[in-house]
């Protein structure tokens, strides 16, 4: 069956108004598409600054959602925690990619781990937990070193508590502030990698090379592209990402974070059905960046080339790091991206800088 192709001049609806929506809107504009942002309190936000239209309304405002849907040709998102009911409501009036089925998996860590394991893909050992007693039982089975996470909404280290020998499960449970959690056992790994794969309406796929991620205080600090891992490991990471995207019947882009084990294998940590921080390097080092791929995928266009023109290292600018902008602008070869956020706060992603190197 032929899929619908949206020509330049069409309008893409964007759920969410942060930096990912901003960079998608900029990529869309370069291809001749307009972006209409929908988010609560979005006036002056990073995405709203560059969008052709903005709707600032709540996720529970059904009339505003319908009007938004009728004003655009397709809807996508920059944040996987948009309520599934919102996506389903919008889908009554216009196509939405990715859809509610994908989000229901991605929004819940227990659902996510179960989905991945059912595909025969490995993860760290884990157990679901709904109270401190279940946390204690899980630690007894897979511990003694674990990490407790809320099943929903936690990111960049939020909603998480480390459990070490002697830790009090009740204190850990109180720390995550949730009524549903997942206990994950620590695994021995040499590094973390991620793969971003794009999948079009026709089922075609294109995957960027595996990249190496380094974190600081639970937040991505640097991404090195390509990852410094054996070719076999990089190929397996790409295979895993493609398999998950296909199984989800995803249309859009999917980022899959993985641990590399000492024997060169990979274990899936998390996934996100949207552009990802570890893919920002593609803006400067690839023929088609991850944001352009999202636009191409949801509009039914051919996917772009993922070939990189250079190796790269991307550095996140967190909080006061962005105050270095004068020096970064003066640094030869540094490619600075600031997100237009008015206020700098500790832990807040303010921008990123990419440095290119000759291909290895």
Protein backbone atom coordinates (compact mmCIF):
# COMPACT_ATOMS: atom_id res chain seq x y z
CA UNK A 1 0.00 0.00 0.00
CA UNK A 2 1.35 3.42 -0.96
CA UNK A 3 2.10 5.67 1.95
CA UNK A 4 1.14 9.31 2.21
CA UNK A 5 3.83 11.81 1.24
CA UNK A 6 3.50 15.32 2.69
CA UNK A 7 5.04 17.89 0.34
CA UNK A 8 7.07 20.92 1.44
CA UNK A 9 4.72 23.62 2.69
CA UNK A 10 2.92 21.14 4.94
CA UNK A 11 2.73 21.73 8.69
CA UNK A 12 4.18 19.37 11.28
CA UNK A 13 2.58 19.41 14.71
CA UNK A 14 5.11 19.09 17.56
CA UNK A 15 4.08 17.91 21.01
CA UNK A 16 6.54 19.56 23.38
CA UNK A 17 8.44 22.81 23.20
CA UNK A 18 11.97 22.09 24.40
CA UNK A 19 15.29 22.01 22.61
CA UNK A 20 14.51 18.80 20.71
CA UNK A 21 11.40 20.43 19.25
CA UNK A 22 13.45 23.53 18.46
CA UNK A 23 16.08 21.61 16.52
CA UNK A 24 13.41 19.58 14.71
CA UNK A 25 11.60 22.77 13.69
CA UNK A 26 14.85 24.24 12.34
CA UNK A 27 15.50 21.07 10.33
CA UNK A 28 11.91 21.11 9.05
CA UNK A 29 12.20 24.74 7.96
CA UNK A 30 15.30 23.96 5.92
CA UNK A 31 13.26 21.40 3.98
CA UNK A 32 10.37 23.83 3.50
CA UNK A 33 8.03 22.58 6.25
CA UNK A 34 6.33 24.61 8.97
CA UNK A 35 6.06 23.55 12.60
CA UNK A 36 3.18 24.16 15.00
CA UNK A 37 4.16 23.58 18.64
CA UNK A 38 1.66 22.39 21.27
CA UNK A 39 2.61 22.39 24.94
CA UNK A 40 1.40 23.79 28.26
CA UNK A 41 2.99 27.17 28.98
CA UNK A 42 5.04 27.21 25.80
CA UNK A 43 5.24 30.96 25.15
CA UNK A 44 8.90 31.98 24.76
CA UNK A 45 10.18 28.40 25.09
CA UNK A 46 13.03 27.03 22.93
CA UNK A 47 10.63 25.37 20.49
CA UNK A 48 8.16 28.25 20.39
CA UNK A 49 10.93 30.71 19.47
CA UNK A 50 11.40 29.11 16.06
CA UNK A 51 7.95 27.64 15.32
CA UNK A 52 5.52 29.03 12.75
CA UNK A 53 2.64 28.66 15.22
CA UNK A 54 2.23 27.91 18.92
CA UNK A 55 -0.65 26.56 20.97
CA UNK A 56 -0.16 26.96 24.71
CA UNK A 57 -2.76 24.71 26.32
CA UNK A 58 -3.02 21.76 28.67
CA UNK A 59 -2.86 18.09 27.80
CA UNK A 60 -6.43 17.78 29.08
CA UNK A 61 -7.87 20.52 26.85
CA UNK A 62 -9.67 18.38 24.28
CA UNK A 63 -10.99 21.33 22.27
CA UNK A 64 -7.52 22.87 21.95
CA UNK A 65 -6.07 19.49 21.00
CA UNK A 66 -8.66 19.01 18.26
CA UNK A 67 -8.10 22.50 16.87
CA UNK A 68 -4.35 21.85 16.89
CA UNK A 69 -4.77 18.51 15.11
CA UNK A 70 -6.98 20.04 12.43
CA UNK A 71 -4.39 22.78 11.78
CA UNK A 72 -1.52 20.40 10.98
CA UNK A 73 -0.84 17.60 8.49
CA UNK A 74 0.95 15.20 10.85
CA UNK A 75 1.87 15.16 14.54
CA UNK A 76 5.11 14.02 16.14
CA UNK A 77 6.71 14.61 19.52
CA UNK A 78 9.94 15.55 21.25
CA UNK A 79 9.02 13.95 24.60
CA UNK A 80 7.87 10.36 25.06
CA UNK A 81 5.86 11.11 28.22
CA UNK A 82 3.00 12.86 26.46
CA UNK A 83 -0.13 11.14 27.82
CA UNK A 84 -1.15 8.24 25.58
CA UNK A 85 -4.76 9.47 25.71
CA UNK A 86 -3.61 12.73 24.08
CA UNK A 87 -1.97 10.88 21.20
CA UNK A 88 -5.04 8.71 20.71
CA UNK A 89 -7.32 11.76 20.71
CA UNK A 90 -5.16 13.56 18.15
CA UNK A 91 -5.11 10.43 16.02
CA UNK A 92 -8.83 10.79 15.40
CA UNK A 93 -8.10 13.88 13.28
CA UNK A 94 -4.59 13.50 11.83
CA UNK A 95 -1.76 10.95 11.69
CA UNK A 96 0.47 10.79 14.79
CA UNK A 97 3.98 9.28 14.74
CA UNK A 98 5.01 7.58 16.93
CA UNK A 99 1.62 6.37 18.14
CA UNK A 100 0.14 5.37 21.45
CA UNK A 101 1.32 1.76 21.28
CA UNK A 102 4.95 2.87 21.08
CA UNK A 103 4.51 5.38 23.90
CA UNK A 104 2.84 2.85 26.19
CA UNK A 105 6.01 0.76 25.99
CA UNK A 106 8.47 3.63 26.25
CA UNK A 107 6.75 5.38 29.16
CA UNK A 108 6.99 2.48 31.60
CA UNK A 109 10.34 0.88 32.43
CA UNK A 110 8.73 -2.44 33.34
CA UNK A 111 6.85 -2.54 30.04
CA UNK A 112 10.02 -1.51 28.23
CA UNK A 113 12.19 -4.21 29.79
CA UNK A 114 9.49 -6.84 29.23
CA UNK A 115 9.15 -5.84 25.58
CA UNK A 116 12.89 -5.98 24.96
CA UNK A 117 13.36 -9.30 26.76
CA UNK A 118 10.47 -10.83 24.78
CA UNK A 119 12.50 -10.12 21.63
CA UNK A 120 15.33 -12.21 23.02
CA UNK A 121 17.43 -9.11 23.72
CA UNK A 122 19.31 -8.94 26.99
CA UNK A 123 19.05 -6.33 29.75
CA UNK A 124 20.39 -6.04 33.28
CA UNK A 125 18.53 -8.32 35.71
CA UNK A 126 15.44 -6.55 37.02
CA UNK A 127 12.34 -6.90 39.17
CA UNK A 128 9.22 -4.75 39.44
CA UNK A 129 8.52 -3.29 42.89
CA UNK A 130 5.48 -1.54 44.37
CA UNK A 131 6.68 -1.01 47.94
CA UNK A 132 9.74 -1.21 50.18
CA UNK A 133 9.18 -4.89 50.97
CA UNK A 134 9.24 -5.77 47.26
CA UNK A 135 12.40 -3.71 46.88
CA UNK A 136 14.03 -5.73 49.66
CA UNK A 137 12.94 -8.99 48.02
CA UNK A 138 14.29 -7.88 44.64
CA UNK A 139 17.63 -6.89 46.16
CA UNK A 140 17.86 -10.30 47.83
CA UNK A 141 17.36 -11.96 44.44
CA UNK A 142 19.55 -9.79 42.19
CA UNK A 143 21.60 -7.56 44.55
CA UNK A 144 23.35 -6.57 46.64
CA UNK A 145 24.24 -3.58 44.43
CA UNK A 146 21.21 -2.29 42.54
CA UNK A 147 19.55 0.86 41.37
CA UNK A 148 15.90 1.59 42.11
CA UNK A 149 14.08 3.70 39.53
CA UNK A 150 10.54 5.01 39.24
CA UNK A 151 8.82 3.24 36.37
CA UNK A 152 7.69 6.54 34.86
CA UNK A 153 9.00 10.05 34.24
CA UNK A 154 12.51 9.68 35.70
CA UNK A 155 15.32 10.99 33.48
CA UNK A 156 18.80 12.51 33.83
CA UNK A 157 19.21 10.75 37.18
CA UNK A 158 15.86 11.91 38.59
CA UNK A 159 13.58 9.38 40.28
CA UNK A 160 16.49 7.05 41.05
CA UNK A 161 18.22 5.73 44.16
CA UNK A 162 21.36 3.61 44.40
CA UNK A 163 21.23 0.59 46.66
CA UNK A 164 24.49 -0.66 48.19
CA UNK A 165 25.13 -3.40 50.75
CA UNK A 166 23.60 -2.16 53.98
CA UNK A 167 21.22 0.32 52.31
CA UNK A 168 17.72 0.67 53.76
CA UNK A 169 15.15 -0.34 51.09
CA UNK A 170 12.55 1.88 52.78
CA UNK A 171 14.77 4.94 52.40
CA UNK A 172 15.42 4.11 48.76
CA UNK A 173 11.70 3.65 48.14
CA UNK A 174 10.90 7.01 49.74
CA UNK A 175 13.65 8.69 47.71
CA UNK A 176 12.18 7.90 44.29
CA UNK A 177 8.80 9.43 45.15
CA UNK A 178 6.75 6.95 43.16
CA UNK A 179 4.16 4.24 43.75
CA UNK A 180 5.74 1.95 41.15
CA UNK A 181 9.39 1.13 40.68
CA UNK A 182 11.87 -1.19 39.07
CA UNK A 183 14.98 -2.63 40.71
CA UNK A 184 17.85 -3.16 38.27
CA UNK A 185 20.97 -5.11 39.15
CA UNK A 186 24.36 -3.59 38.39
CA UNK A 187 26.21 -5.20 35.50
CA UNK A 188 29.87 -5.17 34.64
CA UNK A 189 30.37 -3.05 31.55
CA UNK A 190 33.21 -1.35 29.75
CA UNK A 191 31.24 1.63 28.42
CA UNK A 192 27.77 2.79 27.42
CA UNK A 193 26.87 3.15 23.76
CA UNK A 194 23.76 4.25 21.95
CA UNK A 195 22.39 3.80 18.46
CA UNK A 196 19.81 6.04 16.81
CA UNK A 197 17.78 4.45 14.07
CA UNK A 198 15.24 6.14 11.79
CA UNK A 199 12.29 4.21 10.35
CA UNK A 200 10.01 5.52 7.63
CA UNK A 201 6.36 4.97 6.79
CA UNK A 202 7.40 2.35 4.25
CA UNK A 203 9.40 0.38 6.83
CA UNK A 204 12.78 1.49 5.51
CA UNK A 205 15.45 2.03 8.16
CA UNK A 206 18.73 3.91 8.51
CA UNK A 207 20.94 3.67 11.59
CA UNK A 208 23.69 6.03 12.71
CA UNK A 209 26.90 4.41 13.96
CA UNK A 210 27.08 3.40 17.60
CA UNK A 211 28.43 6.21 19.77
CA UNK A 212 30.08 6.18 23.18
CA UNK A 213 28.43 8.11 26.01
CA UNK A 214 29.99 9.48 29.17
CA UNK A 215 27.85 10.74 32.03
CA UNK A 216 28.38 13.14 34.91
CA UNK A 217 25.97 13.35 37.86
CA UNK A 218 23.48 11.18 35.98
CA UNK A 219 23.40 13.49 32.94
CA UNK A 220 25.03 12.88 29.57
CA UNK A 221 28.28 14.86 29.51
CA UNK A 222 29.98 13.81 26.26
CA UNK A 223 29.27 11.68 23.22
CA UNK A 224 32.13 10.29 21.11
CA UNK A 225 31.30 9.29 17.53
CA UNK A 226 31.94 6.62 16.53
CA UNK A 227 32.17 4.50 19.68
CA UNK A 228 35.60 3.06 20.40
CA UNK A 229 34.40 -0.54 20.45
CA UNK A 230 35.11 -3.58 18.26
CA UNK A 231 33.33 -3.63 14.90
CA UNK A 232 31.39 -6.72 15.96
CA UNK A 233 30.07 -4.90 19.05
CA UNK A 234 29.02 -1.86 17.01
CA UNK A 235 27.24 -4.11 14.51
CA UNK A 236 25.38 -5.93 17.29
CA UNK A 237 24.28 -2.65 18.84
CA UNK A 238 22.91 -1.53 15.49
CA UNK A 239 21.14 -4.87 15.00
CA UNK A 240 19.47 -4.54 18.40
CA UNK A 241 18.26 -1.00 17.69
CA UNK A 242 16.86 -2.00 14.30
CA UNK A 243 15.12 -5.04 15.78
CA UNK A 244 13.41 -2.95 18.47
CA UNK A 245 12.31 -0.25 16.00
CA UNK A 246 10.85 -2.89 13.70
CA UNK A 247 9.06 -4.71 16.52
CA UNK A 248 7.53 -1.44 17.72
CA UNK A 249 6.40 -0.66 14.13
CA UNK A 250 7.93 2.75 14.84
CA UNK A 251 7.68 5.66 12.44
CA UNK A 252 10.21 8.31 13.43
CA UNK A 253 13.51 7.94 15.25
CA UNK A 254 14.45 5.66 18.13
CA UNK A 255 17.45 5.95 20.44
CA UNK A 256 18.59 2.81 22.26
CA UNK A 257 21.14 3.07 25.07
CA UNK A 258 23.17 -0.08 25.76
CA UNK A 259 25.88 -1.32 28.09
CA UNK A 260 28.89 -3.00 26.46
CA UNK A 261 29.90 -6.06 28.47
CA UNK A 262 33.52 -7.22 28.91
CA UNK A 263 33.00 -9.96 26.31
CA UNK A 264 31.86 -7.41 23.70
CA UNK A 265 28.13 -8.07 23.99
CA UNK A 266 25.46 -5.44 24.59
CA UNK A 267 22.62 -5.14 27.11
CA UNK A 268 19.80 -2.65 26.55
CA UNK A 269 19.50 0.00 29.23
CA UNK A 270 16.85 2.43 28.00
CA UNK A 271 15.20 3.61 24.82
CA UNK A 272 13.47 6.77 23.64
CA UNK A 273 11.24 7.04 20.54
CA UNK A 274 12.41 10.56 19.64
CA UNK A 275 15.60 12.48 18.86
CA UNK A 276 18.16 11.97 21.61
CA UNK A 277 20.91 13.96 23.28
CA UNK A 278 23.48 11.39 22.13
CA UNK A 279 22.54 12.14 18.52
CA UNK A 280 23.21 15.88 18.55
CA UNK A 281 26.61 15.32 16.93
CA UNK A 282 24.80 14.33 13.73
CA UNK A 283 23.86 17.99 13.16
CA UNK A 284 27.46 18.79 12.26
CA UNK A 285 29.02 15.48 11.25
CA UNK A 286 26.45 13.69 9.05
CA UNK A 287 24.81 14.31 5.69
CA UNK A 288 21.37 14.12 7.36
CA UNK A 289 21.00 14.76 11.10
CA UNK A 290 18.63 12.95 13.45
CA UNK A 291 16.17 15.88 13.39
CA UNK A 292 15.98 15.90 9.61
CA UNK A 293 15.43 12.13 9.71
CA UNK A 294 12.43 12.61 12.01
CA UNK A 295 10.95 15.11 9.57
CA UNK A 296 11.60 12.81 6.62
CA UNK A 297 10.12 9.78 8.41
CA UNK A 298 6.84 11.33 9.57
CA UNK A 299 6.30 13.13 6.24
CA UNK A 300 6.75 9.94 4.22
CA UNK A 301 9.94 11.14 2.53
CA UNK A 302 12.94 8.96 1.69
CA UNK A 303 15.30 8.70 4.66
CA UNK A 304 18.51 10.69 4.36
CA UNK A 305 22.07 9.43 4.36
CA UNK A 306 23.53 8.60 7.79
CA UNK A 307 27.09 8.68 6.47
CA UNK A 308 29.31 10.80 8.66
CA UNK A 309 31.65 13.30 7.05
CA UNK A 310 33.83 13.43 10.17
CA UNK A 311 34.34 11.85 13.55
CA UNK A 312 32.96 13.99 16.35
CA UNK A 313 32.83 14.68 20.05
CA UNK A 314 29.75 16.41 21.45
CA UNK A 315 29.90 18.16 24.83
CA UNK A 316 26.72 19.10 26.69
CA UNK A 317 26.59 22.57 28.19
CA UNK A 318 24.87 22.11 31.53
CA UNK A 319 23.86 25.06 33.69
CA UNK A 320 26.70 27.57 34.01
CA UNK A 321 28.69 25.74 31.30
CA UNK A 322 26.80 27.88 28.80
CA UNK A 323 28.50 30.98 30.22
CA UNK A 324 31.56 29.83 28.26
CA UNK A 325 29.86 30.86 25.02
CA UNK A 326 32.31 33.71 24.20
CA UNK A 327 35.29 31.36 24.38
CA UNK A 328 33.46 28.64 22.48
CA UNK A 329 32.52 31.07 19.72
CA UNK A 330 36.17 32.05 19.46
CA UNK A 331 37.43 28.46 19.42
CA UNK A 332 38.41 27.41 15.88
CA UNK A 333 36.28 24.52 14.69
CA UNK A 334 33.91 24.45 17.67
CA UNK A 335 30.28 24.31 16.54
CA UNK A 336 28.11 25.91 19.21
CA UNK A 337 24.37 25.30 19.60
CA UNK A 338 22.49 27.30 22.26
CA UNK A 339 18.86 26.50 23.00
CA UNK A 340 17.52 29.97 23.80
CA UNK A 341 16.70 29.23 27.42
CA UNK A 342 16.42 32.42 29.43
CA UNK A 343 17.46 31.00 32.80
CA UNK A 344 20.49 28.86 33.62
CA UNK A 345 19.98 26.34 36.43
CA UNK A 346 22.17 23.52 37.76
CA UNK A 347 21.47 20.35 35.78
CA UNK A 348 19.63 22.21 32.99
CA UNK A 349 20.72 21.54 29.41
CA UNK A 350 21.48 24.95 27.94
CA UNK A 351 23.21 23.93 24.73
CA UNK A 352 25.94 21.78 23.27
CA UNK A 353 29.18 22.14 21.35
CA UNK A 354 30.51 19.71 18.75
CA UNK A 355 34.12 19.36 17.70
CA UNK A 356 34.90 17.51 14.47
CA UNK A 357 37.93 15.34 13.73
CA UNK A 358 39.13 13.59 10.55
CA UNK A 359 37.40 10.26 10.00
CA UNK A 360 39.29 7.31 11.40
